[in-house]
Amino acid sequence: MLCAIHAAISAADAVTIGLSQLRSTDPNHAAAAELLRSAGRGAEEFEARAKQLSALIQKKNLVEYEGRGARVSDAEDACKRARRIVEWSATTLKDSATR
């Protein structure tokens, strides 16, 4: 679960680097979601992905820092959500390269 969430964070970093030449270096991963929002300049799809990333980061914090266990269903859901962000980032970067 945590690896999937880190993949989503890295995918968001790839988008912000690709579009804005910026990457969050804040130890609070929530800053990566905010940077993704700003990279989207108000675009609805960026807002949606930033919200999804924020929700994943909250799950990460519960498991990683608060020591709560994750159920199999939680891990499967996190992986599915992270995969969507990773796939979206690949498409977004590919589309931006062709513009």
N, C-alpha and C. Protein backbone atom coordinates (compact mmCIF):
# COMPACT_ATOMS: atom_id res chain seq x y z
N MET A 1 0.82 -1.19 0.00
CA MET A 1 0.00 0.00 0.00
C MET A 1 0.87 1.26 0.00
N LEU A 2 1.85 1.26 0.87
CA LEU A 2 2.70 2.46 0.96
C LEU A 2 3.48 2.68 -0.32
N CYS A 3 3.94 1.62 -0.94
CA CYS A 3 4.69 1.77 -2.20
C CYS A 3 3.79 2.35 -3.29
N ALA A 4 2.54 1.91 -3.33
CA ALA A 4 1.60 2.44 -4.32
C ALA A 4 1.38 3.93 -4.09
N ILE A 5 1.23 4.32 -2.85
CA ILE A 5 1.01 5.73 -2.54
C ILE A 5 2.25 6.55 -2.89
N HIS A 6 3.41 6.01 -2.61
CA HIS A 6 4.64 6.73 -3.00
C HIS A 6 4.75 6.84 -4.52
N ALA A 7 4.26 5.83 -5.23
CA ALA A 7 4.25 5.92 -6.70
C ALA A 7 3.36 7.06 -7.17
N ALA A 8 2.22 7.23 -6.50
CA ALA A 8 1.32 8.34 -6.86
C ALA A 8 1.98 9.69 -6.57
N ILE A 9 2.67 9.79 -5.46
CA ILE A 9 3.38 11.03 -5.13
C ILE A 9 4.46 11.31 -6.17
N SER A 10 5.20 10.28 -6.55
CA SER A 10 6.24 10.44 -7.57
C SER A 10 5.65 10.82 -8.92
N ALA A 11 4.50 10.26 -9.24
CA ALA A 11 3.83 10.60 -10.50
C ALA A 11 3.41 12.07 -10.50
N ALA A 12 2.91 12.54 -9.37
CA ALA A 12 2.55 13.96 -9.26
C ALA A 12 3.79 14.83 -9.41
N ASP A 13 4.89 14.40 -8.80
CA ASP A 13 6.15 15.13 -8.97
C ASP A 13 6.56 15.20 -10.44
N ALA A 14 6.40 14.09 -11.15
CA ALA A 14 6.77 14.06 -12.57
C ALA A 14 5.96 15.08 -13.36
N VAL A 15 4.67 15.19 -13.05
CA VAL A 15 3.82 16.16 -13.75
C VAL A 15 4.25 17.58 -13.42
N THR A 16 4.48 17.87 -12.15
CA THR A 16 4.85 19.25 -11.80
C THR A 16 6.22 19.61 -12.36
N ILE A 17 7.13 18.66 -12.41
CA ILE A 17 8.43 18.92 -13.03
C ILE A 17 8.26 19.15 -14.53
N GLY A 18 7.48 18.28 -15.16
CA GLY A 18 7.29 18.37 -16.60
C GLY A 18 6.59 19.64 -17.04
N LEU A 19 5.64 20.11 -16.25
CA LEU A 19 4.87 21.28 -16.64
C LEU A 19 5.38 22.59 -16.06
N SER A 20 5.96 22.52 -14.86
CA SER A 20 6.34 23.76 -14.17
C SER A 20 7.81 23.82 -13.78
N GLN A 21 8.54 22.74 -14.05
CA GLN A 21 9.93 22.62 -13.63
C GLN A 21 10.08 22.77 -12.11
N LEU A 22 9.05 22.34 -11.38
CA LEU A 22 9.06 22.41 -9.91
C LEU A 22 8.72 21.05 -9.33
N ARG A 23 9.32 20.76 -8.16
CA ARG A 23 9.01 19.54 -7.41
C ARG A 23 8.97 19.91 -5.94
N SER A 24 8.01 19.36 -5.26
CA SER A 24 7.91 19.65 -3.83
C SER A 24 9.06 18.97 -3.08
N THR A 25 9.72 19.73 -2.25
CA THR A 25 10.77 19.18 -1.39
C THR A 25 10.33 19.21 0.07
N ASP A 26 9.08 19.58 0.28
CA ASP A 26 8.51 19.65 1.63
C ASP A 26 8.37 18.24 2.19
N PRO A 27 8.81 18.00 3.42
CA PRO A 27 8.65 16.66 4.01
C PRO A 27 7.17 16.28 4.20
N ASN A 28 6.31 17.26 4.23
CA ASN A 28 4.87 17.01 4.30
C ASN A 28 4.39 16.77 2.87
N HIS A 29 4.03 15.54 2.57
CA HIS A 29 3.66 15.18 1.20
C HIS A 29 2.40 15.90 0.72
N ALA A 30 1.63 16.46 1.62
CA ALA A 30 0.44 17.22 1.20
C ALA A 30 0.84 18.38 0.30
N ALA A 31 2.05 18.87 0.46
CA ALA A 31 2.54 19.96 -0.39
C ALA A 31 2.62 19.53 -1.85
N ALA A 32 2.84 18.25 -2.11
CA ALA A 32 2.89 17.75 -3.49
C ALA A 32 1.52 17.89 -4.15
N ALA A 33 0.47 17.66 -3.39
CA ALA A 33 -0.89 17.82 -3.93
C ALA A 33 -1.17 19.28 -4.23
N GLU A 34 -0.73 20.17 -3.37
CA GLU A 34 -0.94 21.61 -3.60
C GLU A 34 -0.16 22.08 -4.82
N LEU A 35 1.05 21.58 -4.97
CA LEU A 35 1.86 21.96 -6.13
C LEU A 35 1.23 21.43 -7.42
N LEU A 36 0.64 20.25 -7.35
CA LEU A 36 -0.05 19.70 -8.51
C LEU A 36 -1.24 20.59 -8.89
N ARG A 37 -1.97 21.04 -7.88
CA ARG A 37 -3.08 21.98 -8.13
C ARG A 37 -2.59 23.22 -8.85
N SER A 38 -1.52 23.79 -8.36
CA SER A 38 -1.02 25.03 -8.95
C SER A 38 -0.48 24.80 -10.36
N ALA A 39 0.10 23.64 -10.61
CA ALA A 39 0.62 23.33 -11.95
C ALA A 39 -0.52 23.26 -12.96
N GLY A 40 -1.71 22.88 -12.48
CA GLY A 40 -2.86 22.76 -13.36
C GLY A 40 -3.54 24.07 -13.67
N ARG A 41 -3.15 25.13 -12.97
CA ARG A 41 -3.69 26.47 -13.22
C ARG A 41 -5.22 26.47 -13.31
N GLY A 42 -5.85 25.81 -12.35
CA GLY A 42 -7.31 25.82 -12.29
C GLY A 42 -8.01 24.76 -13.11
N ALA A 43 -7.26 23.94 -13.84
CA ALA A 43 -7.89 22.89 -14.65
C ALA A 43 -8.56 21.86 -13.74
N GLU A 44 -9.76 21.49 -14.11
CA GLU A 44 -10.57 20.57 -13.30
C GLU A 44 -9.88 19.22 -13.09
N GLU A 45 -9.23 18.71 -14.13
CA GLU A 45 -8.58 17.40 -14.00
C GLU A 45 -7.44 17.44 -12.98
N PHE A 46 -6.73 18.55 -12.90
CA PHE A 46 -5.65 18.67 -11.92
C PHE A 46 -6.21 18.77 -10.51
N GLU A 47 -7.30 19.48 -10.38
CA GLU A 47 -7.96 19.59 -9.07
C GLU A 47 -8.42 18.21 -8.61
N ALA A 48 -9.01 17.44 -9.52
CA ALA A 48 -9.48 16.10 -9.18
C ALA A 48 -8.31 15.20 -8.77
N ARG A 49 -7.23 15.25 -9.52
CA ARG A 49 -6.07 14.41 -9.19
C ARG A 49 -5.42 14.85 -7.89
N ALA A 50 -5.39 16.14 -7.63
CA ALA A 50 -4.83 16.64 -6.37
C ALA A 50 -5.67 16.15 -5.18
N LYS A 51 -6.98 16.14 -5.34
CA LYS A 51 -7.85 15.63 -4.28
C LYS A 51 -7.61 14.14 -4.05
N GLN A 52 -7.47 13.40 -5.15
CA GLN A 52 -7.19 11.97 -5.03
C GLN A 52 -5.86 11.72 -4.33
N LEU A 53 -4.86 12.51 -4.70
CA LEU A 53 -3.55 12.38 -4.07
C LEU A 53 -3.63 12.72 -2.59
N SER A 54 -4.35 13.76 -2.25
CA SER A 54 -4.50 14.14 -0.84
C SER A 54 -5.14 13.02 -0.03
N ALA A 55 -6.16 12.38 -0.60
CA ALA A 55 -6.81 11.27 0.10
C ALA A 55 -5.85 10.11 0.32
N LEU A 56 -5.03 9.82 -0.68
CA LEU A 56 -4.03 8.76 -0.53
C LEU A 56 -3.00 9.11 0.53
N ILE A 57 -2.58 10.35 0.55
CA ILE A 57 -1.58 10.78 1.54
C ILE A 57 -2.15 10.66 2.95
N GLN A 58 -3.42 10.95 3.12
CA GLN A 58 -4.03 10.78 4.44
C GLN A 58 -3.99 9.31 4.87
N LYS A 59 -4.27 8.40 3.93
CA LYS A 59 -4.20 6.97 4.24
C LYS A 59 -2.76 6.58 4.59
N LYS A 60 -1.82 7.12 3.85
CA LYS A 60 -0.41 6.84 4.10
C LYS A 60 -0.02 7.26 5.50
N ASN A 61 -0.45 8.44 5.89
CA ASN A 61 -0.09 8.95 7.21
C ASN A 61 -0.66 8.08 8.32
N LEU A 62 -1.88 7.59 8.15
CA LEU A 62 -2.49 6.72 9.15
C LEU A 62 -1.69 5.44 9.34
N VAL A 63 -1.26 4.86 8.23
CA VAL A 63 -0.54 3.59 8.30
C VAL A 63 0.92 3.79 8.68
N GLU A 64 1.56 4.76 8.06
CA GLU A 64 3.00 4.92 8.26
C GLU A 64 3.37 5.62 9.56
N TYR A 65 2.63 6.64 9.92
CA TYR A 65 3.03 7.45 11.07
C TYR A 65 2.20 7.20 12.33
N GLU A 66 0.97 6.74 12.16
CA GLU A 66 0.13 6.49 13.32
C GLU A 66 0.07 5.00 13.67
N GLY A 67 0.73 4.19 12.87
CA GLY A 67 0.85 2.77 13.18
C GLY A 67 -0.43 1.97 13.02
N ARG A 68 -1.40 2.49 12.31
CA ARG A 68 -2.63 1.74 12.09
C ARG A 68 -2.41 0.70 11.00
N GLY A 69 -2.98 -0.43 11.19
CA GLY A 69 -2.88 -1.48 10.18
C GLY A 69 -3.80 -1.18 9.01
N ALA A 70 -3.47 -1.73 7.88
CA ALA A 70 -4.30 -1.56 6.69
C ALA A 70 -4.96 -2.90 6.38
N ARG A 71 -6.25 -2.86 6.11
CA ARG A 71 -6.96 -4.06 5.67
C ARG A 71 -6.60 -4.32 4.20
N VAL A 72 -6.82 -5.53 3.77
CA VAL A 72 -6.56 -5.89 2.38
C VAL A 72 -7.39 -4.99 1.47
N SER A 73 -8.62 -4.73 1.82
CA SER A 73 -9.48 -3.89 0.99
C SER A 73 -8.95 -2.46 0.91
N ASP A 74 -8.37 -1.97 2.00
CA ASP A 74 -7.76 -0.62 1.98
C ASP A 74 -6.56 -0.59 1.04
N ALA A 75 -5.75 -1.63 1.11
CA ALA A 75 -4.56 -1.70 0.25
C ALA A 75 -4.96 -1.80 -1.22
N GLU A 76 -5.96 -2.62 -1.51
CA GLU A 76 -6.42 -2.76 -2.89
C GLU A 76 -6.97 -1.44 -3.42
N ASP A 77 -7.74 -0.74 -2.58
CA ASP A 77 -8.29 0.55 -2.98
C ASP A 77 -7.19 1.57 -3.22
N ALA A 78 -6.21 1.61 -2.33
CA ALA A 78 -5.09 2.55 -2.48
C ALA A 78 -4.32 2.25 -3.75
N CYS A 79 -4.10 0.99 -4.05
CA CYS A 79 -3.38 0.62 -5.28
C CYS A 79 -4.16 1.05 -6.51
N LYS A 80 -5.46 0.86 -6.49
CA LYS A 80 -6.30 1.24 -7.63
C LYS A 80 -6.26 2.76 -7.83
N ARG A 81 -6.37 3.50 -6.74
CA ARG A 81 -6.34 4.96 -6.83
C ARG A 81 -4.97 5.47 -7.29
N ALA A 82 -3.92 4.86 -6.75
CA ALA A 82 -2.57 5.26 -7.14
C ALA A 82 -2.32 4.96 -8.61
N ARG A 83 -2.81 3.82 -9.08
CA ARG A 83 -2.64 3.46 -10.49
C ARG A 83 -3.30 4.51 -11.39
N ARG A 84 -4.46 4.99 -11.00
CA ARG A 84 -5.13 6.03 -11.80
C ARG A 84 -4.28 7.29 -11.90
N ILE A 85 -3.67 7.68 -10.80
CA ILE A 85 -2.83 8.88 -10.82
C ILE A 85 -1.59 8.65 -11.67
N VAL A 86 -0.98 7.49 -11.55
CA VAL A 86 0.22 7.18 -12.34
C VAL A 86 -0.13 7.17 -13.83
N GLU A 87 -1.22 6.52 -14.19
CA GLU A 87 -1.62 6.47 -15.60
C GLU A 87 -1.97 7.86 -16.12
N TRP A 88 -2.67 8.65 -15.31
CA TRP A 88 -3.01 10.02 -15.70
C TRP A 88 -1.75 10.84 -15.91
N SER A 89 -0.77 10.68 -15.03
CA SER A 89 0.46 11.47 -15.16
C SER A 89 1.19 11.12 -16.45
N ALA A 90 1.23 9.84 -16.79
CA ALA A 90 1.90 9.44 -18.03
C ALA A 90 1.21 10.05 -19.25
N THR A 91 -0.11 10.02 -19.25
CA THR A 91 -0.88 10.60 -20.36
C THR A 91 -0.70 12.11 -20.40
N THR A 92 -0.74 12.74 -19.25
CA THR A 92 -0.60 14.20 -19.18
C THR A 92 0.76 14.64 -19.70
N LEU A 93 1.80 13.94 -19.29
CA LEU A 93 3.15 14.30 -19.75
C LEU A 93 3.32 14.04 -21.24
N LYS A 94 2.76 12.94 -21.73
CA LYS A 94 2.83 12.63 -23.16
C LYS A 94 2.11 13.70 -23.95
N ASP A 95 0.92 14.09 -23.49
CA ASP A 95 0.15 15.13 -24.18
C ASP A 95 0.86 16.47 -24.17
N SER A 96 1.51 16.79 -23.06
CA SER A 96 2.20 18.09 -22.98
C SER A 96 3.43 18.11 -23.88
N ALA A 97 4.02 16.95 -24.12
CA ALA A 97 5.20 16.89 -24.99
C ALA A 97 4.85 17.08 -26.45
N THR A 98 3.61 16.80 -26.82
CA THR A 98 3.20 16.93 -28.22
C THR A 98 2.62 18.31 -28.53
N ARG A 99 2.56 19.16 -27.53
CA ARG A 99 2.02 20.52 -27.76
C ARG A 99 3.11 21.45 -28.18
